Amino acid sequence: MSAAGTFGAAALLAFWSVFIAELVGDMSIYALTSFALRFHWAAVLAAFTVASAAKMMAAALLGSAIMRIHGHWTYVVSAVAFFVSAVLIWVEEPPGTGQENAKRGNWSRGILVSFSSFFFTEWGDPGQIAAAALVLKSNLLLATWIGATLALMTKGTVALTLGLQIRNKNFHRRRCAFWLQDRAAFWES
């Protein structure tokens, strides 16, 4: 098989491995959907993409180290980051926010909350472990990183689309956001 064929096969294998691993019991699907109710979709997608790409690069570069970290510490750090993210989400918004604000902008807050929630949570999750294992097995860091990042972007786009559909149907935002965060807490336990 040629170098281009090997690279493409590794990227495709990374995409499907990470995509499937990320869909099973993943909190970020619910968080993305919830953020689509509060912030402009492009701000959330941009923050999620940058955070996901950075985390997958860390997984690819530090694959063997991530696999050796004791599971207890990754669970503790993820739980703390999850609760800090929940506090950031539930902080009272100033008057005049909501769907109008999501359409109008509030980019800086959307990017800050979204990036923090995705970058600082779920380290050592199945998607990162799959990416790290693929790098260790194939020695194709770039192909694995591209495939894994595209898998996360696909997952993020699906979750944001769901959130936008909910927002456009004018569901009660707080109740829906609470339900989504509750589902995330269930899957984390």
Protein backbone atom coordinates (compact mmCIF):
# COMPACT_ATOMS: atom_id res chain seq x y z
CA MET A 1 0.00 0.00 0.00
CA SER A 2 1.33 3.46 -0.87
CA ALA A 3 2.13 6.11 1.72
CA ALA A 4 -0.96 8.11 0.70
CA GLY A 5 -3.11 4.99 0.98
CA THR A 6 -1.70 4.18 4.41
CA PHE A 7 -2.25 7.77 5.55
CA GLY A 8 -5.84 7.76 4.27
CA ALA A 9 -6.58 4.37 5.82
CA ALA A 10 -5.18 5.51 9.17
CA ALA A 11 -7.23 8.72 9.05
CA LEU A 12 -10.39 6.78 8.19
CA LEU A 13 -9.74 4.22 10.92
CA ALA A 14 -9.15 7.05 13.42
CA PHE A 15 -12.36 8.80 12.32
CA TRP A 16 -14.61 5.78 12.83
CA SER A 17 -12.86 4.54 15.98
CA VAL A 18 -13.07 7.92 17.69
CA PHE A 19 -16.57 8.71 16.37
CA ILE A 20 -18.02 5.48 17.77
CA ALA A 21 -16.10 5.81 21.04
CA GLU A 22 -17.31 9.41 21.47
CA LEU A 23 -20.98 8.63 20.82
CA VAL A 24 -21.21 6.11 23.65
CA GLY A 25 -22.08 7.90 26.89
CA ASP A 26 -20.48 11.22 26.06
CA MET A 27 -21.34 14.36 28.04
CA SER A 28 -20.26 16.81 25.35
CA ILE A 29 -23.18 15.89 23.09
CA TYR A 30 -25.57 17.20 25.73
CA ALA A 31 -23.41 20.21 26.53
CA LEU A 32 -23.20 21.19 22.85
CA THR A 33 -26.95 20.94 22.48
CA SER A 34 -27.42 22.99 25.64
CA PHE A 35 -24.97 25.68 24.50
CA ALA A 36 -26.84 26.01 21.21
CA LEU A 37 -29.78 27.20 23.30
CA ARG A 38 -27.75 30.04 24.84
CA PHE A 39 -25.04 31.13 22.43
CA HIS A 40 -24.52 31.72 18.74
CA TRP A 41 -23.98 28.37 17.06
CA ALA A 42 -20.81 29.51 15.26
CA ALA A 43 -19.16 30.57 18.54
CA VAL A 44 -19.96 27.20 20.10
CA LEU A 45 -18.76 25.26 17.06
CA ALA A 46 -15.54 27.30 16.83
CA ALA A 47 -14.74 26.80 20.51
CA PHE A 48 -15.61 23.10 20.35
CA THR A 49 -13.47 22.60 17.25
CA VAL A 50 -10.41 24.30 18.74
CA ALA A 51 -10.81 22.50 22.08
CA SER A 52 -11.32 19.13 20.36
CA ALA A 53 -8.37 19.58 18.02
CA ALA A 54 -6.12 20.56 20.93
CA LYS A 55 -7.26 17.62 23.04
CA MET A 56 -6.79 15.15 20.20
CA MET A 57 -3.33 16.55 19.51
CA ALA A 58 -2.49 16.07 23.19
CA ALA A 59 -3.82 12.51 22.98
CA ALA A 60 -1.81 11.82 19.87
CA LEU A 61 1.40 13.35 21.25
CA LEU A 62 1.10 11.91 24.72
CA GLY A 63 -0.63 8.64 23.88
CA SER A 64 1.39 6.37 26.05
CA ALA A 65 1.35 8.81 28.99
CA ILE A 66 -2.45 9.24 28.84
CA MET A 67 -2.93 5.48 28.85
CA ARG A 68 -0.77 5.17 32.01
CA ILE A 69 -2.59 7.81 34.07
CA HIS A 70 -4.55 6.15 36.83
CA GLY A 71 -8.26 6.23 35.98
CA HIS A 72 -9.21 7.63 39.39
CA TRP A 73 -7.49 10.97 38.72
CA THR A 74 -8.98 11.45 35.28
CA TYR A 75 -12.45 10.86 36.78
CA VAL A 76 -11.84 13.36 39.59
CA VAL A 77 -10.52 16.07 37.25
CA SER A 78 -13.39 15.50 34.79
CA ALA A 79 -15.99 15.66 37.57
CA VAL A 80 -14.60 18.93 38.96
CA ALA A 81 -14.39 20.48 35.49
CA PHE A 82 -17.94 19.30 34.74
CA PHE A 83 -19.33 20.99 37.86
CA VAL A 84 -17.41 24.20 37.18
CA SER A 85 -18.87 24.15 33.66
CA ALA A 86 -22.35 23.66 35.11
CA VAL A 87 -21.87 26.71 37.34
CA LEU A 88 -20.75 28.78 34.33
CA ILE A 89 -23.81 27.66 32.42
CA TRP A 90 -26.28 28.40 35.23
CA VAL A 91 -24.93 31.84 36.17
CA GLU A 92 -27.81 34.28 35.89
CA GLU A 93 -27.87 36.03 32.56
CA PRO A 94 -28.47 39.78 32.38
CA PRO A 95 -31.90 40.90 31.14
CA GLY A 96 -32.43 40.76 27.41
CA THR A 97 -30.44 37.58 26.86
CA GLY A 98 -31.76 34.39 25.42
CA GLN A 99 -32.70 33.48 21.90
CA GLU A 100 -32.27 37.08 20.72
CA ASN A 101 -28.79 37.15 22.25
CA ALA A 102 -27.90 33.82 20.64
CA LYS A 103 -28.90 35.19 17.26
CA ARG A 104 -27.24 38.56 17.86
CA GLY A 105 -23.95 37.33 19.18
CA ASN A 106 -22.38 37.31 22.65
CA TRP A 107 -19.41 35.66 21.03
CA SER A 108 -16.88 36.20 23.79
CA ARG A 109 -19.00 34.56 26.50
CA GLY A 110 -20.09 31.78 24.15
CA ILE A 111 -16.51 31.00 23.19
CA LEU A 112 -15.20 31.22 26.78
CA VAL A 113 -17.88 28.99 28.29
CA SER A 114 -17.86 26.51 25.40
CA PHE A 115 -14.09 26.21 25.15
CA SER A 116 -13.67 25.83 28.92
CA SER A 117 -16.41 23.24 29.13
CA PHE A 118 -14.96 21.10 26.37
CA PHE A 119 -11.23 21.56 26.82
CA PHE A 120 -11.04 21.02 30.58
CA THR A 121 -13.40 18.03 30.80
CA GLU A 122 -13.27 14.39 29.81
CA TRP A 123 -9.52 13.95 29.59
CA GLY A 124 -8.60 10.34 28.97
CA ASP A 125 -12.04 9.52 27.53
CA PRO A 126 -12.53 6.58 25.13
CA GLY A 127 -12.05 8.78 22.07
CA GLN A 128 -8.67 10.03 23.25
CA ILE A 129 -7.59 6.56 24.30
CA ALA A 130 -8.57 5.24 20.86
CA ALA A 131 -6.58 8.01 19.17
CA ALA A 132 -3.58 7.42 21.41
CA ALA A 133 -3.68 3.68 20.75
CA LEU A 134 -3.91 4.25 16.99
CA VAL A 135 -0.86 6.53 17.09
CA LEU A 136 1.08 3.96 19.08
CA LYS A 137 0.08 1.19 16.65
CA SER A 138 0.44 3.05 13.33
CA ASN A 139 3.02 5.76 14.09
CA LEU A 140 0.91 8.07 11.91
CA LEU A 141 0.33 11.00 14.25
CA LEU A 142 -1.01 13.47 11.67
CA ALA A 143 -3.42 11.01 10.04
CA THR A 144 -4.78 9.94 13.42
CA TRP A 145 -5.14 13.53 14.59
CA ILE A 146 -6.97 14.58 11.41
CA GLY A 147 -9.34 11.60 11.53
CA ALA A 148 -10.04 11.98 15.26
CA THR A 149 -10.61 15.74 15.00
CA LEU A 150 -12.99 15.28 12.06
CA ALA A 151 -14.90 12.68 14.08
CA LEU A 152 -15.33 15.16 16.95
CA MET A 153 -16.37 17.91 14.56
CA THR A 154 -18.99 15.59 13.04
CA LYS A 155 -20.33 14.74 16.49
CA GLY A 156 -20.36 18.43 17.39
CA THR A 157 -22.21 19.42 14.24
CA VAL A 158 -24.92 16.81 14.88
CA ALA A 159 -25.34 17.95 18.51
CA LEU A 160 -25.45 21.63 17.53
CA THR A 161 -28.05 20.90 14.87
CA LEU A 162 -30.21 19.22 17.50
CA GLY A 163 -29.77 22.21 19.83
CA LEU A 164 -30.72 24.66 17.10
CA GLN A 165 -33.81 22.62 16.30
CA ILE A 166 -34.83 22.71 19.97
CA ARG A 167 -34.18 26.46 20.18
CA ASN A 168 -36.16 27.17 17.04
CA LYS A 169 -39.14 25.23 18.39
CA ASN A 170 -39.19 27.69 21.34
CA PHE A 171 -38.93 25.08 24.07
CA HIS A 172 -38.40 26.44 27.55
CA ARG A 173 -34.63 27.00 27.49
CA ARG A 174 -33.84 26.59 31.18
CA ARG A 175 -35.88 23.39 31.52
CA CYS A 176 -34.31 21.93 28.38
CA ALA A 177 -30.78 22.95 29.42
CA PHE A 178 -31.34 21.40 32.85
CA TRP A 179 -32.56 18.17 31.23
CA LEU A 180 -29.52 18.04 28.94
CA GLN A 181 -27.11 18.64 31.84
CA ASP A 182 -28.94 16.01 33.88
CA ARG A 183 -28.42 13.49 31.02
CA ALA A 184 -24.74 14.42 30.94
CA ALA A 185 -24.40 13.83 34.68
CA PHE A 186 -26.11 10.45 34.28
CA TRP A 187 -23.66 9.34 31.57
CA GLU A 188 -20.64 10.59 33.53
CA SER A 189 -21.57 8.40 36.53
